Amino acid sequence: MLEREITISNKLGLHARASAKLVQALHSFQASAFIACRGKEVNAKSIMGVMMLAAGLGTPVTLRADGVDEEAAMTMMVDLFERKFDEGQ
């Protein structure tokens, strides 16, 4: 299992579009993926779970990936967060 803490840097946080982009990208991986925030952990492949975190700009989150392609899944998640979900904000 891989784990990485990251701070949300896109202006709108994990809103619907960003959450959908994350969930859609993760569905191509076999690994399980989770996001933990403020004591809650959700399945990162569930749009409702991700949006339920209500994680905004500056919120620290912990990303977890576990499975055969966990390294690729983690790399993709971190890259997406670092690119601010391609929102340019």
N, C-alpha and C. Protein backbone atom coordinates (compact mmCIF):
# COMPACT_ATOMS: atom_id res chain seq x y z
N MET A 1 0.85 -1.18 0.00
CA MET A 1 0.00 0.00 0.00
C MET A 1 0.89 1.24 0.00
N LEU A 2 0.53 2.19 -0.84
CA LEU A 2 1.23 3.46 -0.92
C LEU A 2 0.36 4.54 -0.30
N GLU A 3 1.01 5.53 0.30
CA GLU A 3 0.28 6.62 0.94
C GLU A 3 1.05 7.91 0.73
N ARG A 4 0.32 8.98 0.45
CA ARG A 4 0.97 10.27 0.23
C ARG A 4 0.04 11.37 0.68
N GLU A 5 0.58 12.33 1.43
CA GLU A 5 -0.22 13.49 1.83
C GLU A 5 0.02 14.61 0.83
N ILE A 6 -1.06 15.29 0.48
CA ILE A 6 -0.99 16.38 -0.50
C ILE A 6 -1.99 17.45 -0.06
N THR A 7 -1.72 18.69 -0.42
CA THR A 7 -2.64 19.78 -0.10
C THR A 7 -3.36 20.22 -1.37
N ILE A 8 -4.65 20.36 -1.27
CA ILE A 8 -5.45 20.76 -2.43
C ILE A 8 -5.08 22.19 -2.81
N SER A 9 -4.71 22.37 -4.07
CA SER A 9 -4.23 23.69 -4.51
C SER A 9 -5.11 24.33 -5.59
N ASN A 10 -6.11 23.62 -6.08
CA ASN A 10 -6.99 24.26 -7.08
C ASN A 10 -8.04 25.10 -6.36
N LYS A 11 -8.39 26.20 -6.96
CA LYS A 11 -9.23 27.22 -6.34
C LYS A 11 -10.56 26.69 -5.79
N LEU A 12 -11.19 25.78 -6.52
CA LEU A 12 -12.52 25.30 -6.12
C LEU A 12 -12.49 24.00 -5.32
N GLY A 13 -11.30 23.44 -5.08
CA GLY A 13 -11.21 22.20 -4.30
C GLY A 13 -11.81 21.01 -5.04
N LEU A 14 -12.28 20.04 -4.28
CA LEU A 14 -12.85 18.82 -4.87
C LEU A 14 -14.33 19.02 -5.18
N HIS A 15 -14.61 19.91 -6.11
CA HIS A 15 -15.98 20.15 -6.55
C HIS A 15 -16.37 19.07 -7.56
N ALA A 16 -17.54 19.18 -8.14
CA ALA A 16 -18.06 18.10 -8.99
C ALA A 16 -17.16 17.76 -10.18
N ARG A 17 -16.67 18.76 -10.91
CA ARG A 17 -15.86 18.49 -12.10
C ARG A 17 -14.53 17.84 -11.73
N ALA A 18 -13.87 18.36 -10.70
CA ALA A 18 -12.60 17.80 -10.26
C ALA A 18 -12.79 16.37 -9.75
N SER A 19 -13.84 16.16 -8.97
CA SER A 19 -14.13 14.83 -8.44
C SER A 19 -14.39 13.84 -9.57
N ALA A 20 -15.16 14.27 -10.57
CA ALA A 20 -15.48 13.39 -11.70
C ALA A 20 -14.22 13.04 -12.48
N LYS A 21 -13.33 14.01 -12.66
CA LYS A 21 -12.09 13.77 -13.39
C LYS A 21 -11.22 12.74 -12.66
N LEU A 22 -11.15 12.85 -11.33
CA LEU A 22 -10.38 11.91 -10.53
C LEU A 22 -10.97 10.51 -10.61
N VAL A 23 -12.27 10.40 -10.39
CA VAL A 23 -12.95 9.10 -10.42
C VAL A 23 -12.81 8.44 -11.79
N GLN A 24 -13.02 9.21 -12.84
CA GLN A 24 -12.92 8.67 -14.19
C GLN A 24 -11.51 8.15 -14.48
N ALA A 25 -10.50 8.90 -14.07
CA ALA A 25 -9.11 8.48 -14.31
C ALA A 25 -8.77 7.22 -13.51
N LEU A 26 -9.30 7.09 -12.31
CA LEU A 26 -8.99 5.93 -11.46
C LEU A 26 -9.64 4.64 -11.94
N HIS A 27 -10.72 4.73 -12.69
CA HIS A 27 -11.41 3.52 -13.13
C HIS A 27 -10.57 2.66 -14.09
N SER A 28 -9.51 3.21 -14.63
CA SER A 28 -8.65 2.42 -15.51
C SER A 28 -7.62 1.60 -14.73
N PHE A 29 -7.60 1.75 -13.40
CA PHE A 29 -6.65 1.02 -12.56
C PHE A 29 -7.35 -0.08 -11.77
N GLN A 30 -6.64 -1.18 -11.55
CA GLN A 30 -7.18 -2.26 -10.73
C GLN A 30 -7.03 -1.97 -9.24
N ALA A 31 -6.04 -1.17 -8.89
CA ALA A 31 -5.76 -0.88 -7.48
C ALA A 31 -6.95 -0.18 -6.82
N SER A 32 -7.10 -0.43 -5.53
CA SER A 32 -8.06 0.31 -4.73
C SER A 32 -7.45 1.68 -4.45
N ALA A 33 -8.29 2.69 -4.37
CA ALA A 33 -7.80 4.04 -4.11
C ALA A 33 -8.72 4.71 -3.09
N PHE A 34 -8.11 5.42 -2.16
CA PHE A 34 -8.86 6.08 -1.10
C PHE A 34 -8.32 7.48 -0.87
N ILE A 35 -9.18 8.36 -0.37
CA ILE A 35 -8.78 9.70 0.04
C ILE A 35 -9.26 9.88 1.47
N ALA A 36 -8.36 10.33 2.34
CA ALA A 36 -8.71 10.60 3.73
C ALA A 36 -8.56 12.10 3.99
N CYS A 37 -9.55 12.63 4.73
CA CYS A 37 -9.57 14.06 5.02
C CYS A 37 -10.34 14.29 6.31
N ARG A 38 -9.74 14.98 7.24
CA ARG A 38 -10.40 15.32 8.51
C ARG A 38 -11.06 14.10 9.19
N GLY A 39 -10.35 13.00 9.22
CA GLY A 39 -10.86 11.81 9.90
C GLY A 39 -11.81 10.94 9.10
N LYS A 40 -12.14 11.34 7.89
CA LYS A 40 -13.01 10.53 7.03
C LYS A 40 -12.17 9.95 5.90
N GLU A 41 -12.45 8.69 5.57
CA GLU A 41 -11.79 8.07 4.43
C GLU A 41 -12.86 7.57 3.47
N VAL A 42 -12.69 7.89 2.18
CA VAL A 42 -13.68 7.49 1.19
C VAL A 42 -12.99 6.78 0.02
N ASN A 43 -13.77 6.01 -0.69
CA ASN A 43 -13.31 5.35 -1.90
C ASN A 43 -13.13 6.44 -2.97
N ALA A 44 -11.91 6.58 -3.47
CA ALA A 44 -11.63 7.62 -4.46
C ALA A 44 -12.22 7.29 -5.84
N LYS A 45 -12.78 6.10 -5.99
CA LYS A 45 -13.45 5.73 -7.24
C LYS A 45 -14.95 6.00 -7.18
N SER A 46 -15.40 6.63 -6.10
CA SER A 46 -16.81 6.96 -5.90
C SER A 46 -16.98 8.48 -5.93
N ILE A 47 -17.67 9.00 -6.93
CA ILE A 47 -17.84 10.45 -7.03
C ILE A 47 -18.58 11.01 -5.82
N MET A 48 -19.58 10.29 -5.33
CA MET A 48 -20.32 10.77 -4.16
C MET A 48 -19.42 10.80 -2.93
N GLY A 49 -18.58 9.78 -2.78
CA GLY A 49 -17.66 9.75 -1.65
C GLY A 49 -16.67 10.90 -1.69
N VAL A 50 -16.09 11.14 -2.85
CA VAL A 50 -15.10 12.20 -2.99
C VAL A 50 -15.74 13.56 -2.73
N MET A 51 -16.91 13.80 -3.30
CA MET A 51 -17.58 15.08 -3.09
C MET A 51 -18.03 15.27 -1.65
N MET A 52 -18.35 14.17 -0.97
CA MET A 52 -18.79 14.24 0.42
C MET A 52 -17.70 14.80 1.35
N LEU A 53 -16.44 14.68 0.94
CA LEU A 53 -15.35 15.21 1.77
C LEU A 53 -15.40 16.73 1.87
N ALA A 54 -16.00 17.39 0.88
CA ALA A 54 -16.10 18.85 0.85
C ALA A 54 -14.74 19.49 1.13
N ALA A 55 -13.72 18.98 0.46
CA ALA A 55 -12.35 19.44 0.67
C ALA A 55 -12.07 20.63 -0.24
N GLY A 56 -11.80 21.77 0.36
CA GLY A 56 -11.57 22.99 -0.40
C GLY A 56 -10.09 23.33 -0.51
N LEU A 57 -9.82 24.46 -1.10
CA LEU A 57 -8.48 24.97 -1.28
C LEU A 57 -7.72 24.99 0.04
N GLY A 58 -6.51 24.46 0.03
CA GLY A 58 -5.66 24.45 1.21
C GLY A 58 -5.88 23.28 2.16
N THR A 59 -6.82 22.42 1.85
CA THR A 59 -7.12 21.28 2.71
C THR A 59 -6.11 20.15 2.48
N PRO A 60 -5.47 19.68 3.55
CA PRO A 60 -4.58 18.53 3.39
C PRO A 60 -5.39 17.24 3.29
N VAL A 61 -5.03 16.39 2.35
CA VAL A 61 -5.67 15.08 2.20
C VAL A 61 -4.59 14.02 2.08
N THR A 62 -4.95 12.80 2.45
CA THR A 62 -4.05 11.67 2.32
C THR A 62 -4.58 10.77 1.22
N LEU A 63 -3.75 10.51 0.24
CA LEU A 63 -4.10 9.62 -0.86
C LEU A 63 -3.53 8.24 -0.56
N ARG A 64 -4.31 7.20 -0.82
CA ARG A 64 -3.85 5.82 -0.61
C ARG A 64 -4.18 5.01 -1.85
N ALA A 65 -3.26 4.12 -2.20
CA ALA A 65 -3.50 3.19 -3.32
C ALA A 65 -2.95 1.83 -2.90
N ASP A 66 -3.69 0.77 -3.26
CA ASP A 66 -3.29 -0.57 -2.88
C ASP A 66 -3.72 -1.55 -3.97
N GLY A 67 -2.76 -2.26 -4.53
CA GLY A 67 -3.08 -3.24 -5.56
C GLY A 67 -1.96 -3.39 -6.56
N VAL A 68 -2.21 -4.19 -7.58
CA VAL A 68 -1.17 -4.54 -8.54
C VAL A 68 -0.58 -3.33 -9.27
N ASP A 69 -1.39 -2.32 -9.54
CA ASP A 69 -0.89 -1.13 -10.24
C ASP A 69 -0.95 0.11 -9.34
N GLU A 70 -0.70 -0.10 -8.05
CA GLU A 70 -0.80 0.99 -7.09
C GLU A 70 0.16 2.15 -7.39
N GLU A 71 1.36 1.84 -7.86
CA GLU A 71 2.32 2.91 -8.14
C GLU A 71 1.80 3.82 -9.26
N ALA A 72 1.28 3.24 -10.31
CA ALA A 72 0.74 4.02 -11.43
C ALA A 72 -0.48 4.82 -10.98
N ALA A 73 -1.34 4.21 -10.18
CA ALA A 73 -2.53 4.90 -9.69
C ALA A 73 -2.14 6.08 -8.81
N MET A 74 -1.17 5.89 -7.93
CA MET A 74 -0.73 6.97 -7.05
C MET A 74 -0.09 8.09 -7.86
N THR A 75 0.74 7.74 -8.83
CA THR A 75 1.39 8.74 -9.68
C THR A 75 0.34 9.57 -10.40
N MET A 76 -0.69 8.92 -10.93
CA MET A 76 -1.75 9.62 -11.64
C MET A 76 -2.50 10.57 -10.69
N MET A 77 -2.84 10.09 -9.49
CA MET A 77 -3.57 10.93 -8.54
C MET A 77 -2.76 12.17 -8.15
N VAL A 78 -1.51 11.95 -7.79
CA VAL A 78 -0.66 13.07 -7.38
C VAL A 78 -0.52 14.07 -8.53
N ASP A 79 -0.29 13.56 -9.73
CA ASP A 79 -0.14 14.42 -10.89
C ASP A 79 -1.40 15.25 -11.12
N LEU A 80 -2.56 14.64 -11.00
CA LEU A 80 -3.82 15.34 -11.21
C LEU A 80 -4.00 16.46 -10.18
N PHE A 81 -3.70 16.17 -8.91
CA PHE A 81 -3.79 17.19 -7.87
C PHE A 81 -2.78 18.31 -8.13
N GLU A 82 -1.55 17.95 -8.50
CA GLU A 82 -0.52 18.96 -8.73
C GLU A 82 -0.82 19.82 -9.95
N ARG A 83 -1.52 19.26 -10.94
CA ARG A 83 -1.92 20.02 -12.13
C ARG A 83 -3.20 20.83 -11.88
N LYS A 84 -3.67 20.80 -10.64
CA LYS A 84 -4.90 21.51 -10.25
C LYS A 84 -6.08 21.08 -11.11
N PHE A 85 -6.12 19.78 -11.41
CA PHE A 85 -7.21 19.18 -12.18
C PHE A 85 -7.39 19.85 -13.54
N ASP A 86 -6.28 20.41 -14.07
CA ASP A 86 -6.26 21.08 -15.37
C ASP A 86 -7.23 22.26 -15.44
N GLU A 87 -7.50 22.87 -14.30
CA GLU A 87 -8.42 24.00 -14.27
C GLU A 87 -7.71 25.34 -14.42
N GLY A 88 -6.38 25.34 -14.37
CA GLY A 88 -5.61 26.55 -14.54
C GLY A 88 -5.81 27.57 -13.44
N GLN A 89 -6.24 27.11 -12.28
CA GLN A 89 -6.49 28.03 -11.17
C GLN A 89 -5.60 27.69 -10.00
